[in-house]
Amino acid sequence: MNELREWGVEFVFLRESINTTPPGGKLVFHVFGAVAALERDLILERTMGGWCRQGAAGGTDASS
């Protein structure tokens, strides 16, 4: 996004009524990005925790 912005490209999301041109739109876009990054990290954390528990229990495949 930053590279596109340097080229003068801005985004307007029609369905969500988000316009990244004004400062408020940039804020909303960055907040959504932060929430998406948090969710990705939480999914990874839960996945790794499940694998560790499976290994500690002696499981060898995903169905254990």
N, C-alpha and C. Protein backbone atom coordinates (compact mmCIF):
# COMPACT_ATOMS: atom_id res chain seq x y z
N MET A 1 0.81 -1.19 0.00
CA MET A 1 0.00 0.00 0.00
C MET A 1 0.86 1.26 0.00
N ASN A 2 1.92 1.25 0.80
CA ASN A 2 2.75 2.45 0.87
C ASN A 2 3.39 2.77 -0.47
N GLU A 3 3.85 1.73 -1.17
CA GLU A 3 4.46 1.95 -2.48
C GLU A 3 3.43 2.51 -3.47
N LEU A 4 2.24 1.97 -3.44
CA LEU A 4 1.19 2.49 -4.32
C LEU A 4 0.85 3.93 -3.97
N ARG A 5 0.82 4.24 -2.68
CA ARG A 5 0.52 5.61 -2.25
C ARG A 5 1.59 6.57 -2.75
N GLU A 6 2.87 6.12 -2.75
CA GLU A 6 3.95 6.95 -3.27
C GLU A 6 3.74 7.28 -4.75
N TRP A 7 3.08 6.39 -5.46
CA TRP A 7 2.79 6.62 -6.87
C TRP A 7 1.52 7.45 -7.06
N GLY A 8 0.86 7.83 -5.95
CA GLY A 8 -0.35 8.63 -6.03
C GLY A 8 -1.63 7.82 -6.11
N VAL A 9 -1.54 6.51 -5.86
CA VAL A 9 -2.72 5.65 -5.92
C VAL A 9 -3.43 5.70 -4.57
N GLU A 10 -4.72 5.91 -4.59
CA GLU A 10 -5.55 5.86 -3.39
C GLU A 10 -6.66 4.85 -3.63
N PHE A 11 -7.23 4.33 -2.56
CA PHE A 11 -8.27 3.32 -2.68
C PHE A 11 -9.58 3.82 -2.10
N VAL A 12 -10.66 3.48 -2.77
CA VAL A 12 -12.00 3.73 -2.26
C VAL A 12 -12.73 2.39 -2.33
N PHE A 13 -13.11 1.87 -1.16
CA PHE A 13 -13.83 0.61 -1.08
C PHE A 13 -15.31 0.93 -1.11
N LEU A 14 -15.97 0.58 -2.19
CA LEU A 14 -17.35 0.98 -2.40
C LEU A 14 -18.32 0.29 -1.45
N ARG A 15 -18.17 -0.98 -1.23
CA ARG A 15 -19.09 -1.71 -0.35
C ARG A 15 -18.98 -1.27 1.10
N GLU A 16 -17.76 -1.05 1.57
CA GLU A 16 -17.54 -0.71 2.97
C GLU A 16 -17.51 0.79 3.22
N SER A 17 -17.63 1.57 2.18
CA SER A 17 -17.58 3.04 2.27
C SER A 17 -16.32 3.53 2.95
N ILE A 18 -15.18 2.97 2.56
CA ILE A 18 -13.88 3.38 3.09
C ILE A 18 -13.12 4.07 1.97
N ASN A 19 -12.67 5.27 2.24
CA ASN A 19 -11.87 6.04 1.30
C ASN A 19 -10.53 6.30 1.97
N THR A 20 -9.44 5.81 1.39
CA THR A 20 -8.13 5.96 2.03
C THR A 20 -7.47 7.30 1.73
N THR A 21 -8.16 8.18 1.04
CA THR A 21 -7.58 9.47 0.71
C THR A 21 -7.50 10.41 1.92
N PRO A 22 -8.59 10.63 2.68
CA PRO A 22 -8.50 11.52 3.84
C PRO A 22 -7.85 10.82 5.03
N PRO A 23 -7.38 11.58 6.00
CA PRO A 23 -6.72 10.99 7.17
C PRO A 23 -7.58 9.97 7.92
N GLY A 24 -8.87 10.23 8.05
CA GLY A 24 -9.75 9.28 8.75
C GLY A 24 -9.83 7.94 8.04
N GLY A 25 -9.86 7.98 6.72
CA GLY A 25 -9.89 6.74 5.94
C GLY A 25 -8.60 5.96 6.07
N LYS A 26 -7.48 6.68 6.12
CA LYS A 26 -6.20 6.02 6.33
C LYS A 26 -6.16 5.34 7.69
N LEU A 27 -6.71 6.02 8.70
CA LEU A 27 -6.75 5.45 10.05
C LEU A 27 -7.55 4.15 10.06
N VAL A 28 -8.75 4.18 9.48
CA VAL A 28 -9.59 2.98 9.45
C VAL A 28 -8.87 1.85 8.73
N PHE A 29 -8.23 2.15 7.61
CA PHE A 29 -7.52 1.13 6.85
C PHE A 29 -6.41 0.50 7.69
N HIS A 30 -5.66 1.33 8.42
CA HIS A 30 -4.58 0.82 9.26
C HIS A 30 -5.10 0.03 10.45
N VAL A 31 -6.22 0.45 11.01
CA VAL A 31 -6.82 -0.31 12.12
C VAL A 31 -7.25 -1.68 11.63
N PHE A 32 -7.89 -1.75 10.45
CA PHE A 32 -8.27 -3.05 9.89
C PHE A 32 -7.04 -3.92 9.66
N GLY A 33 -5.97 -3.32 9.17
CA GLY A 33 -4.73 -4.07 8.96
C GLY A 33 -4.16 -4.60 10.26
N ALA A 34 -4.23 -3.79 11.31
CA ALA A 34 -3.72 -4.21 12.62
C ALA A 34 -4.56 -5.36 13.18
N VAL A 35 -5.87 -5.27 13.02
CA VAL A 35 -6.75 -6.34 13.50
C VAL A 35 -6.48 -7.63 12.72
N ALA A 36 -6.27 -7.52 11.42
CA ALA A 36 -5.97 -8.70 10.61
C ALA A 36 -4.64 -9.33 11.03
N ALA A 37 -3.64 -8.50 11.33
CA ALA A 37 -2.35 -9.02 11.78
C ALA A 37 -2.49 -9.71 13.13
N LEU A 38 -3.28 -9.13 14.03
CA LEU A 38 -3.53 -9.74 15.33
C LEU A 38 -4.20 -11.10 15.16
N GLU A 39 -5.22 -11.16 14.33
CA GLU A 39 -5.92 -12.43 14.11
C GLU A 39 -4.98 -13.48 13.53
N ARG A 40 -4.13 -13.08 12.58
CA ARG A 40 -3.16 -14.02 12.00
C ARG A 40 -2.23 -14.56 13.07
N ASP A 41 -1.74 -13.68 13.96
CA ASP A 41 -0.85 -14.11 15.03
C ASP A 41 -1.56 -15.03 16.02
N LEU A 42 -2.82 -14.75 16.32
CA LEU A 42 -3.57 -15.61 17.24
C LEU A 42 -3.80 -16.99 16.64
N ILE A 43 -4.11 -17.05 15.36
CA ILE A 43 -4.29 -18.34 14.69
C ILE A 43 -2.99 -19.13 14.73
N LEU A 44 -1.87 -18.48 14.44
CA LEU A 44 -0.58 -19.15 14.49
C LEU A 44 -0.28 -19.66 15.90
N GLU A 45 -0.56 -18.82 16.90
CA GLU A 45 -0.31 -19.21 18.29
C GLU A 45 -1.15 -20.43 18.68
N ARG A 46 -2.43 -20.43 18.30
CA ARG A 46 -3.29 -21.57 18.63
C ARG A 46 -2.84 -22.83 17.89
N THR A 47 -2.44 -22.68 16.63
CA THR A 47 -1.98 -23.82 15.84
C THR A 47 -0.72 -24.42 16.46
N MET A 48 0.25 -23.57 16.79
CA MET A 48 1.49 -24.06 17.39
C MET A 48 1.21 -24.72 18.74
N GLY A 49 0.31 -24.15 19.52
CA GLY A 49 -0.05 -24.74 20.80
C GLY A 49 -0.66 -26.12 20.63
N GLY A 50 -1.51 -26.27 19.62
CA GLY A 50 -2.12 -27.57 19.35
C GLY A 50 -1.08 -28.60 18.93
N TRP A 51 -0.13 -28.17 18.11
CA TRP A 51 0.93 -29.10 17.69
C TRP A 51 1.78 -29.51 18.88
N CYS A 52 2.09 -28.57 19.76
CA CYS A 52 2.90 -28.90 20.94
C CYS A 52 2.16 -29.87 21.85
N ARG A 53 0.85 -29.63 22.06
CA ARG A 53 0.07 -30.54 22.90
C ARG A 53 -0.02 -31.92 22.27
N GLN A 54 -0.16 -31.97 20.95
CA GLN A 54 -0.23 -33.25 20.26
C GLN A 54 1.08 -33.99 20.41
N GLY A 55 2.21 -33.29 20.24
CA GLY A 55 3.50 -33.93 20.39
C GLY A 55 3.74 -34.42 21.81
N ALA A 56 3.32 -33.64 22.80
CA ALA A 56 3.49 -34.04 24.20
C ALA A 56 2.64 -35.26 24.53
N ALA A 57 1.50 -35.40 23.84
CA ALA A 57 0.62 -36.54 24.08
C ALA A 57 1.05 -37.77 23.27
N GLY A 58 2.09 -37.64 22.45
CA GLY A 58 2.60 -38.77 21.68
C GLY A 58 1.87 -38.99 20.38
N GLY A 59 1.09 -37.99 19.92
CA GLY A 59 0.38 -38.12 18.66
C GLY A 59 1.32 -38.04 17.48
N THR A 60 0.96 -38.73 16.41
CA THR A 60 1.81 -38.70 15.22
C THR A 60 1.11 -38.15 14.01
N ASP A 61 -0.23 -37.98 14.08
CA ASP A 61 -0.92 -37.40 12.93
C ASP A 61 -2.00 -36.44 13.42
N ALA A 62 -2.62 -35.73 12.49
CA ALA A 62 -3.58 -34.69 12.81
C ALA A 62 -4.84 -35.24 13.48
N SER A 63 -5.12 -36.54 13.33
CA SER A 63 -6.34 -37.10 13.92
C SER A 63 -6.17 -37.52 15.36
N SER A 64 -4.95 -37.42 15.91
CA SER A 64 -4.69 -37.84 17.29
C SER A 64 -5.17 -36.81 18.28
